[in-house]
Protein backbone atom coordinates (compact mmCIF):
# COMPACT_ATOMS: atom_id res chain seq x y z
CA MET A 1 -0.02 0.00 0.03
CA ASN A 2 1.54 3.26 -1.11
CA ALA A 3 1.59 6.35 1.15
CA PHE A 4 -1.26 8.10 -0.66
CA VAL A 5 -3.65 5.15 -0.21
CA LEU A 6 -2.44 4.61 3.37
CA HIS A 7 -3.10 8.23 4.33
CA HIS A 8 -6.59 8.36 2.77
CA GLN A 9 -7.61 4.74 3.42
CA ASP A 10 -10.43 5.75 5.85
CA SER A 11 -12.11 7.73 3.04
CA ILE A 12 -11.66 5.09 0.29
CA GLU A 13 -14.37 2.54 -0.40
CA PHE A 14 -12.18 0.30 -2.50
CA GLY A 15 -9.54 0.42 -5.24
CA TYR A 16 -8.47 -1.60 -8.26
CA SER A 17 -5.99 -1.47 -11.14
CA CYS A 18 -6.57 -2.75 -14.68
CA PHE A 19 -5.92 -2.16 -18.33
CA ASP A 20 -8.18 0.43 -19.83
CA ARG A 21 -8.05 1.17 -23.58
CA ILE A 22 -5.60 -0.96 -25.61
CA LEU A 23 -5.04 -0.36 -29.35
CA PHE A 24 -3.32 -3.15 -31.28
CA ASN A 25 -1.96 -3.28 -34.79
CA ALA A 26 -2.96 -6.54 -36.45
CA HIS A 27 -1.07 -8.03 -39.36
CA VAL A 28 0.40 -11.24 -40.76
CA PRO A 29 4.13 -10.97 -39.94
CA ALA A 30 5.22 -12.82 -43.11
CA PHE A 31 3.34 -10.34 -45.30
CA GLN A 32 5.36 -7.35 -44.11
CA ARG A 33 8.07 -8.45 -46.63
CA PRO A 34 7.25 -7.77 -50.27
CA GLY A 35 9.02 -10.91 -51.42
CA THR A 36 6.83 -13.17 -49.32
CA VAL A 37 3.73 -11.35 -50.54
CA ALA A 38 4.72 -11.91 -54.20
CA TRP A 39 5.47 -15.63 -53.55
CA PHE A 40 2.24 -16.28 -51.66
CA LEU A 41 -0.02 -14.61 -54.27
CA ARG A 42 1.69 -16.42 -57.14
CA GLN A 43 1.22 -19.73 -55.37
CA ARG A 44 -2.41 -18.86 -54.40
CA GLY A 45 -3.44 -17.63 -57.86
CA GLU A 46 -1.25 -20.07 -59.79
CA ILE A 47 0.09 -17.19 -61.87
CA GLU A 48 3.44 -16.12 -63.19
CA VAL A 49 3.29 -12.45 -62.07
CA VAL A 50 1.06 -10.46 -59.76
CA THR A 51 -0.52 -7.72 -61.78
CA PRO A 52 -2.44 -4.61 -60.59
CA THR A 53 -5.62 -6.21 -62.00
CA PHE A 54 -5.03 -9.33 -59.84
CA LEU A 55 -4.73 -7.16 -56.70
CA ARG A 56 -7.78 -5.10 -57.55
CA ASN A 57 -9.81 -8.31 -58.02
CA ILE A 58 -8.88 -9.39 -54.52
CA SER A 59 -10.15 -6.13 -52.99
CA SER A 60 -13.29 -5.99 -55.20
CA THR A 61 -14.21 -9.51 -54.18
CA TYR A 62 -13.78 -8.65 -50.53
CA HIS A 63 -15.89 -5.49 -50.86
CA GLU A 64 -18.70 -7.51 -52.48
CA TRP A 65 -18.43 -10.21 -49.88
CA VAL A 66 -18.69 -7.72 -46.92
CA ALA A 67 -21.67 -5.95 -48.55
CA ASP A 68 -23.52 -9.23 -49.17
CA THR A 69 -22.77 -10.70 -45.69
CA ALA A 70 -23.86 -7.47 -43.94
CA SER A 71 -27.00 -7.28 -46.02
CA ARG A 72 -28.03 -10.86 -45.23
CA ALA A 73 -27.36 -10.25 -41.45
CA GLY A 74 -29.14 -6.92 -41.42
CA ILE A 75 -26.05 -5.05 -40.32
CA PRO A 76 -25.88 -1.44 -41.62
CA ILE A 77 -22.82 -0.14 -43.47
CA VAL A 78 -22.56 3.66 -43.00
CA GLU A 79 -20.11 6.48 -43.43
CA PRO A 80 -19.90 8.50 -40.16
CA PRO A 81 -19.89 12.29 -40.28
CA LYS A 82 -16.59 14.02 -39.82
CA ASP A 83 -15.52 15.43 -36.44
CA VAL A 84 -17.66 13.12 -34.32
CA ARG A 85 -16.63 10.91 -31.42
CA ARG A 86 -17.23 7.50 -33.01
CA GLU A 87 -17.70 5.66 -29.79
CA GLU A 88 -20.63 7.93 -28.96
CA TRP A 89 -21.91 8.01 -32.52
CA VAL A 90 -22.32 4.18 -32.71
CA GLU A 91 -24.17 3.99 -29.40
CA PRO A 92 -27.64 3.80 -31.00
CA PHE A 93 -26.49 0.79 -33.05
CA TYR A 94 -25.24 -0.91 -29.93
CA ARG A 95 -28.61 -0.26 -28.25
CA ASN A 96 -30.37 -1.99 -31.17
CA LEU A 97 -28.03 -5.00 -30.77
CA ALA A 98 -28.88 -5.04 -26.97
CA GLN A 99 -26.69 -7.56 -25.15
CA ARG A 100 -26.49 -10.02 -28.04
CA PRO A 101 -22.99 -10.97 -29.26
CA GLY A 102 -22.39 -9.85 -32.83
CA THR A 103 -21.72 -6.83 -35.04
CA ALA A 104 -23.58 -3.65 -34.23
CA VAL A 105 -22.57 -1.56 -37.26
CA ILE A 106 -19.89 -1.31 -39.92
CA LEU A 107 -18.36 2.07 -40.62
CA LYS A 108 -16.76 2.85 -43.96
CA CYS A 109 -13.97 5.47 -43.71
CA ARG A 110 -11.36 6.71 -46.08
CA GLU A 111 -7.97 6.58 -44.28
CA PRO A 112 -4.31 5.76 -44.94
CA ALA A 113 -3.32 2.11 -44.91
CA ARG A 114 -0.36 0.05 -45.92
CA VAL A 115 -1.19 -2.01 -49.00
CA ALA A 116 0.52 -4.23 -51.57
CA ILE A 117 0.93 -2.70 -55.03
CA SER A 118 2.28 -4.05 -58.30
CA LEU A 119 4.68 -1.95 -60.37
CA PRO A 120 4.49 -3.07 -64.08
CA ALA A 121 7.34 -0.64 -65.00
CA ARG A 122 9.64 -2.62 -62.70
CA GLY A 123 8.62 -6.05 -63.93
CA HIS A 124 5.50 -6.30 -61.66
CA PHE A 125 7.65 -5.77 -58.56
CA ILE A 126 5.56 -6.02 -55.40
CA ASP A 127 5.97 -3.19 -52.93
CA LEU A 128 4.20 -2.25 -49.68
CA THR A 129 3.26 1.36 -49.50
CA TRP A 130 0.77 3.77 -47.88
CA ARG A 131 -2.39 4.67 -49.79
CA PHE A 132 -5.68 6.42 -48.87
CA VAL A 133 -8.35 3.73 -49.17
CA ASN A 134 -11.85 2.89 -47.87
CA LEU A 135 -11.44 0.93 -44.65
CA TYR A 136 -14.02 -0.97 -42.63
CA TYR A 137 -14.56 -0.49 -38.89
CA PHE A 138 -16.50 -3.42 -37.48
CA TYR A 139 -18.05 -2.46 -34.12
CA LEU A 140 -18.54 -5.71 -32.22
CA ASN A 141 -20.01 -7.02 -29.04
CA ASP A 142 -17.66 -9.87 -28.28
CA PRO A 143 -18.90 -12.64 -25.88
CA GLU A 144 -15.66 -12.36 -23.89
CA CYS A 145 -14.37 -8.83 -24.32
CA GLY A 146 -17.55 -6.89 -24.72
CA ARG A 147 -17.60 -3.86 -26.96
CA MET A 148 -14.61 -3.56 -29.28
CA PHE A 149 -13.80 -2.70 -32.83
CA LEU A 150 -11.83 -4.33 -35.64
CA ARG A 151 -10.48 -2.06 -38.37
CA LEU A 152 -9.65 -3.98 -41.60
CA CYS A 153 -8.10 -2.83 -44.79
CA PRO A 154 -9.83 -4.53 -47.77
CA TYR A 155 -6.63 -4.57 -49.77
CA PHE A 156 -3.98 -7.32 -49.46
CA PRO A 157 -2.32 -8.10 -47.02
CA PHE A 158 -5.47 -7.10 -44.98
CA ASN A 159 -3.70 -5.20 -42.23
CA GLY A 160 -5.83 -4.01 -39.39
CA GLN A 161 -6.27 -2.66 -35.88
CA VAL A 162 -8.08 -3.94 -32.80
CA CYS A 163 -9.30 -1.82 -29.98
CA LEU A 164 -10.25 -3.43 -26.61
CA ASN A 165 -11.13 -2.06 -23.22
CA GLY A 166 -10.11 -3.90 -20.04
CA HIS A 167 -13.17 -2.66 -18.18
CA ARG A 168 -15.47 -4.24 -20.78
CA TRP A 169 -13.61 -7.60 -20.37
CA LEU A 170 -13.92 -7.44 -16.60
CA ALA A 171 -17.62 -6.71 -16.75
CA LYS A 172 -18.14 -9.87 -18.80
CA GLN A 173 -16.13 -11.97 -16.28
CA MET A 174 -18.09 -10.60 -13.29
CA ASP A 175 -21.37 -11.23 -15.07
CA ARG A 176 -20.27 -14.85 -15.58
CA GLU A 177 -19.40 -15.21 -11.83
CA GLY A 178 -22.56 -13.38 -10.66
CA ILE A 179 -20.68 -10.55 -8.94
CA ALA A 180 -22.86 -7.48 -8.46
CA TYR A 181 -21.24 -4.17 -9.62
CA CYS A 182 -22.13 -0.68 -10.82
CA GLN A 183 -20.36 0.30 -14.04
CA LYS A 184 -20.31 3.87 -15.38
CA ASP A 185 -18.60 4.25 -18.71
CA ASN A 186 -15.13 2.67 -18.33
CA SER A 187 -15.08 2.52 -14.52
CA PHE A 188 -16.58 0.52 -11.64
CA LEU A 189 -18.03 2.73 -8.92
CA ALA A 190 -19.26 -0.18 -6.76
CA CYS A 191 -18.42 -3.88 -6.54
CA ALA A 192 -19.64 -6.59 -4.19
CA ALA A 193 -16.26 -8.42 -4.34
CA PRO A 194 -13.38 -5.89 -4.83
CA GLN A 195 -10.68 -8.46 -4.14
CA ARG A 196 -12.09 -10.77 -6.82
CA LEU A 197 -12.31 -7.82 -9.14
CA GLN A 198 -8.55 -7.25 -8.75
CA GLN A 199 -7.80 -10.97 -9.23
CA LEU A 200 -9.75 -11.00 -12.45
CA ALA A 201 -8.01 -7.81 -13.67
CA ASP A 202 -4.63 -9.48 -13.01
CA ASP A 203 -5.79 -12.53 -15.01
CA PHE A 204 -6.25 -10.57 -18.17
CA ALA A 205 -3.68 -11.99 -20.58
CA PRO A 206 -2.60 -11.95 -24.25
CA GLU A 207 -4.60 -15.03 -25.13
CA HIS A 208 -7.85 -13.19 -24.33
CA CYS A 209 -7.00 -10.54 -26.93
CA LEU A 210 -5.86 -13.14 -29.51
CA GLN A 211 -9.05 -15.14 -29.02
CA ALA A 212 -11.17 -12.03 -29.58
CA LEU A 213 -9.17 -11.27 -32.74
CA ASP A 214 -9.67 -14.77 -34.10
CA ARG A 215 -13.42 -14.59 -33.46
CA ALA A 216 -13.71 -11.25 -35.28
CA LEU A 217 -11.64 -12.41 -38.18
CA ALA A 218 -13.68 -15.61 -38.47
CA ASP A 219 -16.69 -13.48 -39.09
CA TRP A 220 -15.22 -10.73 -41.31
CA LEU A 221 -12.16 -12.09 -43.15
CA SER A 222 -12.87 -15.10 -45.32
CA PHE A 223 -9.74 -14.76 -47.54
CA PHE A 224 -7.38 -17.14 -45.79
CA THR A 225 -8.15 -20.87 -45.65
CA PRO A 226 -7.85 -22.96 -42.50
CA THR A 227 -4.80 -24.69 -44.00
CA GLU A 228 -3.06 -21.35 -44.67
CA ARG A 229 -3.75 -20.25 -41.17
CA GLN A 230 -2.19 -23.43 -39.79
CA GLN A 231 0.84 -22.75 -41.96
CA GLY A 232 1.38 -19.46 -40.06
CA PHE A 233 -0.45 -17.04 -42.30
CA ARG A 234 -2.54 -15.57 -39.57
CA HIS A 235 -2.78 -12.16 -37.89
CA HIS A 236 -0.70 -11.31 -34.87
CA LEU A 237 -1.22 -8.43 -32.47
CA TYR A 238 1.26 -5.67 -31.66
CA VAL A 239 0.63 -3.02 -29.01
CA SER A 240 0.22 0.44 -30.47
CA GLN A 241 -1.30 2.33 -27.54
CA VAL A 242 -1.91 1.13 -24.01
CA GLU A 243 -3.49 2.59 -20.88
CA TYR A 244 -3.25 1.04 -17.41
CA CYS A 245 -5.21 2.77 -14.63
CA HIS A 246 -5.29 2.76 -10.86
CA ASN A 247 -8.74 3.64 -9.53
CA LEU A 248 -9.59 4.81 -6.02
CA ILE A 249 -13.32 5.01 -5.22
CA PHE A 250 -13.98 7.42 -2.38
CA ARG A 251 -17.01 7.41 -0.11
CA LYS A 252 -17.57 11.14 -0.66
CA PRO A 253 -16.93 13.53 -3.57
CA VAL A 254 -13.21 13.89 -4.16
CA HIS A 255 -13.03 17.22 -5.94
CA ARG A 256 -11.66 19.11 -2.94
CA LEU A 257 -8.74 16.65 -2.65
CA PHE A 258 -8.08 16.88 -6.40
CA ASP A 259 -8.11 20.64 -6.21
CA ARG A 260 -5.35 20.45 -3.54
CA LEU A 261 -3.35 18.20 -5.84
CA LEU A 262 -3.76 20.58 -8.76
CA ASP A 263 -2.54 23.42 -6.63
CA ALA A 264 0.31 21.54 -4.93
CA ASN A 265 1.64 20.21 -8.21
CA ARG A 266 2.56 23.63 -9.41
CA SER A 267 5.89 22.77 -7.83
CA ILE A 268 6.04 19.06 -8.67
CA GLY A 269 9.09 17.91 -10.68
CA ARG A 270 11.48 20.76 -11.50
CA PRO A 271 9.63 23.47 -9.56
CA ASP A 272 10.82 26.46 -11.52
CA LYS A 273 10.85 24.78 -14.99
CA LEU A 274 7.77 22.59 -15.45
CA ALA A 275 4.94 24.42 -17.26
CA ILE A 276 1.47 24.69 -15.67
CA ILE A 277 -1.21 25.83 -18.13
CA PHE A 278 -4.74 26.21 -16.82
CA GLY A 279 -7.63 25.84 -19.26
CA ARG A 280 -5.48 26.02 -22.40
CA PRO A 281 -5.16 22.43 -23.67
CA GLN A 282 -3.46 23.37 -26.91
CA VAL A 283 -0.48 25.11 -25.27
CA HIS A 284 2.48 22.85 -24.63
CA PRO A 285 5.65 24.83 -23.84
CA ASP A 286 9.03 23.20 -24.46
CA THR A 287 10.62 22.18 -21.16
CA ARG A 288 13.33 20.02 -22.85
CA THR A 289 12.90 16.88 -20.77
CA GLY A 290 9.32 16.70 -19.51
CA GLN A 291 6.39 18.76 -18.39
CA THR A 292 3.48 18.76 -16.01
CA VAL A 293 0.35 20.53 -17.34
CA VAL A 294 -3.23 20.87 -16.34
CA LYS A 295 -5.48 20.32 -19.34
CA ILE A 296 -9.21 20.73 -19.90
CA THR A 297 -10.69 17.91 -21.99
CA PRO A 298 -13.54 18.34 -24.52
CA LEU A 299 -15.85 16.98 -21.69
CA HIS A 300 -14.64 19.81 -19.40
CA THR A 301 -12.65 17.49 -17.17
CA GLN A 302 -9.55 18.85 -15.47
CA VAL A 303 -6.61 16.45 -16.04
CA LEU A 304 -3.26 16.64 -14.33
CA SER A 305 -0.81 15.29 -16.90
CA SER A 306 2.95 14.59 -16.64
CA ARG A 307 4.60 13.35 -19.70
CA PHE A 308 7.86 12.79 -21.52
CA ARG A 309 8.18 11.74 -25.13
CA SER A 310 5.21 9.48 -25.93
CA THR A 311 4.60 8.26 -22.38
CA SER A 312 2.39 9.99 -19.86
CA LEU A 313 0.86 9.79 -16.46
CA LYS A 314 -2.58 11.38 -15.96
CA GLN A 315 -4.77 11.99 -12.94
CA TYR A 316 -8.40 13.09 -12.96
CA VAL A 317 -11.69 12.65 -11.24
CA LYS A 318 -14.57 10.63 -12.72
CA GLU A 319 -18.15 10.61 -11.54
CA ASN A 320 -17.29 12.78 -8.51
CA VAL A 321 -16.00 9.92 -6.35
CA LEU A 322 -13.34 8.07 -8.48
CA LEU A 323 -9.78 9.35 -8.63
CA ARG A 324 -7.98 7.79 -11.51
CA THR A 325 -4.22 7.60 -11.97
CA GLU A 326 -3.46 6.37 -15.44
CA GLY A 327 -0.22 5.45 -17.14
CA ALA A 328 -0.30 5.51 -20.94
CA SER A 329 2.21 4.84 -23.68
CA TYR A 330 1.93 5.53 -27.36
CA GLN A 331 5.40 4.30 -28.16
CA LEU A 332 6.62 1.35 -26.11
CA GLN A 333 10.20 2.12 -27.09
CA ASP A 334 10.00 4.75 -24.28
CA LEU A 335 9.66 1.87 -21.81
CA SER A 336 12.21 -0.41 -23.50
CA VAL A 337 9.54 -2.99 -24.28
CA ALA A 338 8.88 -4.70 -27.64
CA LYS A 339 5.39 -4.28 -29.12
CA ASN A 340 4.55 -8.01 -29.36
CA ILE A 341 1.37 -8.82 -27.38
CA GLN A 342 3.25 -11.43 -25.37
CA ASN A 343 4.83 -8.52 -23.57
CA LEU A 344 1.54 -7.41 -22.10
CA PRO A 345 2.37 -8.74 -18.53
CA LYS A 346 5.65 -6.72 -18.64
CA ILE A 347 3.80 -3.59 -19.75
CA ARG A 348 1.33 -4.10 -16.87
CA GLU A 349 4.25 -4.35 -14.41
CA ILE A 350 5.92 -1.15 -15.59
CA LEU A 351 2.77 0.95 -15.85
CA ALA A 352 1.41 -0.31 -12.52
CA THR A 353 4.72 0.61 -10.83
CA SER A 354 4.59 4.03 -12.48
CA ASN A 355 1.03 4.63 -11.14
CA GLU A 356 2.09 3.58 -7.69
CA ARG A 357 5.12 5.85 -7.89
CA TYR A 358 3.03 8.76 -9.02
CA LEU A 359 0.60 8.41 -6.09
CA GLN A 360 3.58 8.11 -3.70
CA VAL A 361 4.95 11.38 -5.18
CA GLN A 362 1.59 13.04 -4.79
CA GLN A 363 1.50 12.26 -1.04
CA ASP A 364 5.10 13.47 -0.75
CA VAL A 365 4.02 16.75 -2.33
CA LEU A 366 1.06 17.11 -0.03
CA LEU A 367 2.95 16.20 3.13
CA THR A 368 6.68 16.89 2.59
CA HIS A 369 8.81 16.64 5.71
CA VAL A 370 12.24 15.67 7.01
CA ASP A 371 12.58 13.72 10.20
CA ARG A 372 13.65 15.60 13.29
CA GLY A 373 17.31 15.54 14.10
CA GLN A 374 18.36 14.59 10.59
CA LEU A 375 19.37 18.00 9.25
CA GLU A 376 22.65 18.18 11.12
CA LYS A 377 23.47 14.58 10.28
CA LEU A 378 23.07 15.30 6.60
CA ARG A 379 25.53 18.13 6.84
CA GLN A 380 28.15 15.85 8.29
CA PRO A 381 30.59 13.80 6.10
CA THR A 382 29.74 10.18 5.42
CA ILE A 383 32.31 7.47 6.08
CA SER A 384 31.83 4.28 4.01
CA PRO A 385 32.61 0.78 5.44
CA SER A 386 35.88 0.96 3.43
CA GLY A 387 36.83 4.23 5.15
CA ARG A 388 36.11 6.49 2.18
CA ARG A 389 35.02 9.98 3.33
CA THR A 390 32.30 11.78 1.36
CA PRO A 391 31.55 15.42 2.20
CA GLY A 392 28.13 16.30 3.65
CA LEU A 393 25.38 18.35 2.07
CA ARG A 394 25.14 22.15 2.21
CA TRP A 395 21.49 23.18 1.68
CA ASP A 396 22.44 26.59 0.21
CA ASP A 397 24.76 25.05 -2.36
CA PRO A 398 23.48 26.13 -5.86
CA ARG A 399 24.94 22.93 -7.33
CA LEU A 400 22.91 20.82 -4.96
CA LEU A 401 19.69 22.76 -5.71
CA ALA A 402 20.26 22.37 -9.46
CA LEU A 403 20.93 18.63 -9.09
CA PHE A 404 17.75 18.22 -6.98
CA GLN A 405 15.71 20.02 -9.70
CA ALA A 406 17.12 17.77 -12.43
CA LEU A 407 16.54 14.61 -10.41
CA THR A 408 12.88 15.41 -9.63
CA CYS A 409 11.95 15.98 -13.28
CA PHE A 410 9.19 13.51 -14.22
CA VAL A 411 11.26 12.07 -17.03
CA HIS A 412 13.12 10.20 -14.30
CA LEU A 413 9.94 9.00 -12.51
CA VAL A 414 7.72 7.75 -15.33
CA GLY A 415 8.38 4.26 -16.75
CA LYS A 416 11.12 2.35 -14.96
CA GLY A 417 12.33 5.45 -13.07
CA PHE A 418 16.01 4.90 -13.94
CA PHE A 419 18.53 7.42 -15.33
CA ARG A 420 22.17 7.72 -16.39
CA THR A 421 24.47 10.38 -15.00
CA ALA A 422 25.10 11.92 -18.40
CA ALA A 423 21.36 12.42 -18.90
CA LEU A 424 21.26 14.87 -15.99
CA LEU A 425 24.15 17.06 -17.14
CA GLY A 426 22.22 19.33 -19.56
CA ASN A 427 19.44 19.92 -16.93
CA VAL A 428 21.87 20.82 -14.20
CA GLN A 429 23.81 23.18 -16.46
CA ARG A 430 20.58 25.01 -17.40
CA ALA A 431 19.48 25.21 -13.74
CA LEU A 432 22.85 26.61 -12.74
CA ASP A 433 23.11 28.78 -15.89
CA ARG A 434 26.61 27.43 -15.99
CA PRO A 435 27.37 25.68 -19.34
CA HIS A 436 30.89 24.86 -18.23
CA TYR A 437 29.71 22.62 -15.37
CA THR A 438 31.35 19.33 -16.09
CA LEU A 439 30.40 15.70 -15.94
CA SER A 440 33.11 15.13 -13.34
CA GLN A 441 31.60 17.74 -11.11
CA LEU A 442 28.21 16.14 -11.54
CA ARG A 443 29.60 12.73 -10.57
CA TYR A 444 31.13 14.34 -7.49
CA ASP A 445 27.82 16.01 -6.45
CA LEU A 446 25.84 12.84 -7.21
CA GLY A 447 28.25 10.86 -5.04
CA LYS A 448 27.19 12.98 -2.02
CA LEU A 449 23.57 11.99 -2.56
CA ARG A 450 24.49 8.32 -2.97
CA ALA A 451 26.39 8.41 0.32
CA LYS A 452 23.28 9.76 2.09
CA GLY A 453 21.03 7.15 0.48
CA PHE A 454 19.08 9.59 -1.64
CA VAL A 455 20.26 7.97 -4.90
CA GLN A 456 21.03 4.32 -5.37
CA ARG A 457 22.67 2.39 -8.25
CA VAL A 458 20.75 -0.35 -9.96
CA PRO A 459 22.74 -3.56 -9.45
CA GLN A 460 24.87 -4.72 -12.40
CA THR A 461 24.06 -1.70 -14.50
CA GLN A 462 25.23 1.88 -15.03
CA LEU A 463 21.77 3.14 -14.08
CA TYR A 464 20.66 5.06 -11.02
CA GLN A 465 17.39 5.59 -9.23
CA LEU A 466 16.12 8.33 -6.92
CA THR A 467 14.97 6.72 -3.69
CA SER A 468 11.65 7.59 -2.02
CA GLU A 469 13.49 9.43 0.82
CA GLY A 470 15.62 11.28 -1.75
CA TYR A 471 12.59 12.45 -3.54
CA ARG A 472 11.03 13.88 -0.37
CA VAL A 473 14.18 15.68 0.61
CA ALA A 474 14.65 17.08 -2.89
CA ILE A 475 11.09 18.40 -3.06
CA LEU A 476 11.39 19.92 0.45
CA CYS A 477 14.73 21.58 -0.42
CA CYS A 478 13.42 23.03 -3.74
CA LYS A 479 10.18 24.18 -2.15
CA LEU A 480 11.96 25.95 0.74
CA TYR A 481 14.48 27.66 -1.55
CA HIS A 482 12.25 28.66 -4.47
CA ARG A 483 8.97 29.20 -2.70
CA LEU A 484 10.02 30.56 0.76
CA TYR A 485 13.64 31.62 1.28
CA ALA A 486 14.26 33.31 -2.07
CA PRO A 487 11.12 35.51 -2.24
CA LEU A 488 11.27 36.40 1.42
CA LEU A 489 14.97 37.43 1.25
CA GLN A 490 14.22 39.32 -1.96
CA GLY A 491 11.59 41.32 -0.09
CA ILE A 492 13.86 42.02 2.87
CA HIS A 493 17.23 42.81 1.10
CA ASP A 494 16.09 44.21 -2.20
CA PRO A 495 12.45 45.23 -2.03
CA PHE A 496 10.77 46.71 -5.05
CA ALA A 497 9.43 50.10 -3.99
CA ASP A 498 6.51 50.23 -6.47
CA ASP A 499 5.10 47.03 -4.85
CA ASN A 500 3.80 49.27 -2.00
CA LEU A 501 1.78 51.34 -4.50
CA VAL A 502 -0.37 48.27 -5.54
CA PRO A 503 -3.70 48.29 -3.65
CA TYR A 504 -4.21 45.43 -1.31
CA SER A 505 -7.24 44.19 -3.28
CA ARG A 506 -5.10 43.93 -6.47
CA GLN A 507 -2.29 41.94 -4.91
CA SER A 508 -2.11 38.24 -5.64
CA LYS A 509 -2.93 35.82 -2.78
CA LEU A 510 0.74 34.67 -2.74
CA ASP A 511 2.08 38.24 -2.45
CA ARG A 512 -0.35 38.97 0.44
CA LEU A 513 0.85 35.80 2.23
CA TYR A 514 4.55 36.75 1.80
CA ALA A 515 3.80 40.21 3.15
CA ALA A 516 1.99 38.65 6.08
CA VAL A 517 5.03 36.51 6.89
CA ASP A 518 7.28 39.59 6.71
CA ARG A 519 5.00 41.47 9.09
CA ALA A 520 4.83 38.54 11.48
CA LEU A 521 8.64 38.26 11.49
CA SER A 522 8.95 41.94 12.22
CA LEU A 523 6.46 41.69 15.15
CA LEU A 524 8.32 38.66 16.46
CA THR A 525 11.71 40.29 16.44
CA GLN A 526 10.39 43.39 18.15
CA THR A 527 8.64 41.21 20.87
CA ILE A 528 11.78 39.24 21.69
CA GLY A 529 14.00 42.28 21.53
CA ILE A 530 16.24 41.62 18.56
CA ALA A 531 14.68 44.09 16.08
CA ALA A 532 17.14 46.28 14.29
């Protein structure tokens, strides 16, 4: 149990973690090589060369087959309007299908897809290239995975996409076991057996997705024979986008707590570098390594989002009582994981750890503290078991502050949470405004943090990780310096005279609080007799 859940456990009804939306690319691996495509089609058609006419006949036959199959089953084929949320637009068709397994509707959309073409000028050479073509979206109610869609290209080699939702799959499993629950959109707000819910979520595996794909293809792709499938010419799944969420259902509305998180996270990560943009979802300033922003979704939901590259961690409130922390990746290379669906358990482990770490960080931000009696100890040198002496930490050292800022950037927290020393150098140089700060100096400063246990080395690697205690101390140090010491000292030693001309009602809340602290300090020094 992480610190956030532990602190708020009396207010939490239950919690669970599961995959949310997963988007897979689906294709036959052998047909991603033009040579194999040409060989297969020549064998299949018993022809010498694969001509453009031959390829057009394959797609025309498939178009006719889909139209005839849909007509006999009474399934509409429609072109959706532009700029609509398709999941909402197909809802009436799902209502007509009720709870029956099957296909609710087929959407026909013109989009880019990778198709096989024949080039007569090059001796009917087969190439794989991108073309704008009419694709089919089959919106299905799968007996195991619930609502999903299969996107298929009607041109050889019939590449596609599959979109599943872990909440839909979980609902089907709980229905089968007779577990009572309340589902709202893609979330469970009540459950009679929360522990069993989590066990089922942990049981979700690659074979469930592959079985759903096989059922969908059996209904809507008749091109490949059973023998060809047994020979290996069958679609495989590769993760394109994945979301894994941690959900906490509170007994009372959670908006006040989330408002505190939004406010406190103005200083999360690198306190003076990360951008916070309220109500302007299209603005994404460059912060070089990562950013924390507050976005407003089209549904007017406030989302706290921390991201680097194509990986993000989001936090938002659903249905007033559910606080969701969601890790998402649109490029698994960020997490050093291959896209094959067999890596789904590894993806779950990494994103689940990221969600836990994010909640831990949130509680650290809300309740940052250093144990009593530790400050002086941290200033003292550290003697290792071998007798090596490492200097202590000076809290006013600008190099230490710059290093703390670099270490607490979210790029080093999301995913595996590891970093290399060289990756910090640019961040520290910018924080110091000292481009000549060297890698040797960085290693020396980082060694001080290692000696105090704030940074630890990952065994048998050249990677490092910021410890939980190290993160809390870093946040405290940065907060005190940037949010308290620096502005107060600025007001005392180098006040800006025109500030006194601003009416009290026009001053910001923060400025009024700083002024109040200054007045309280003046009154305190006068009372105890040390006023100048």
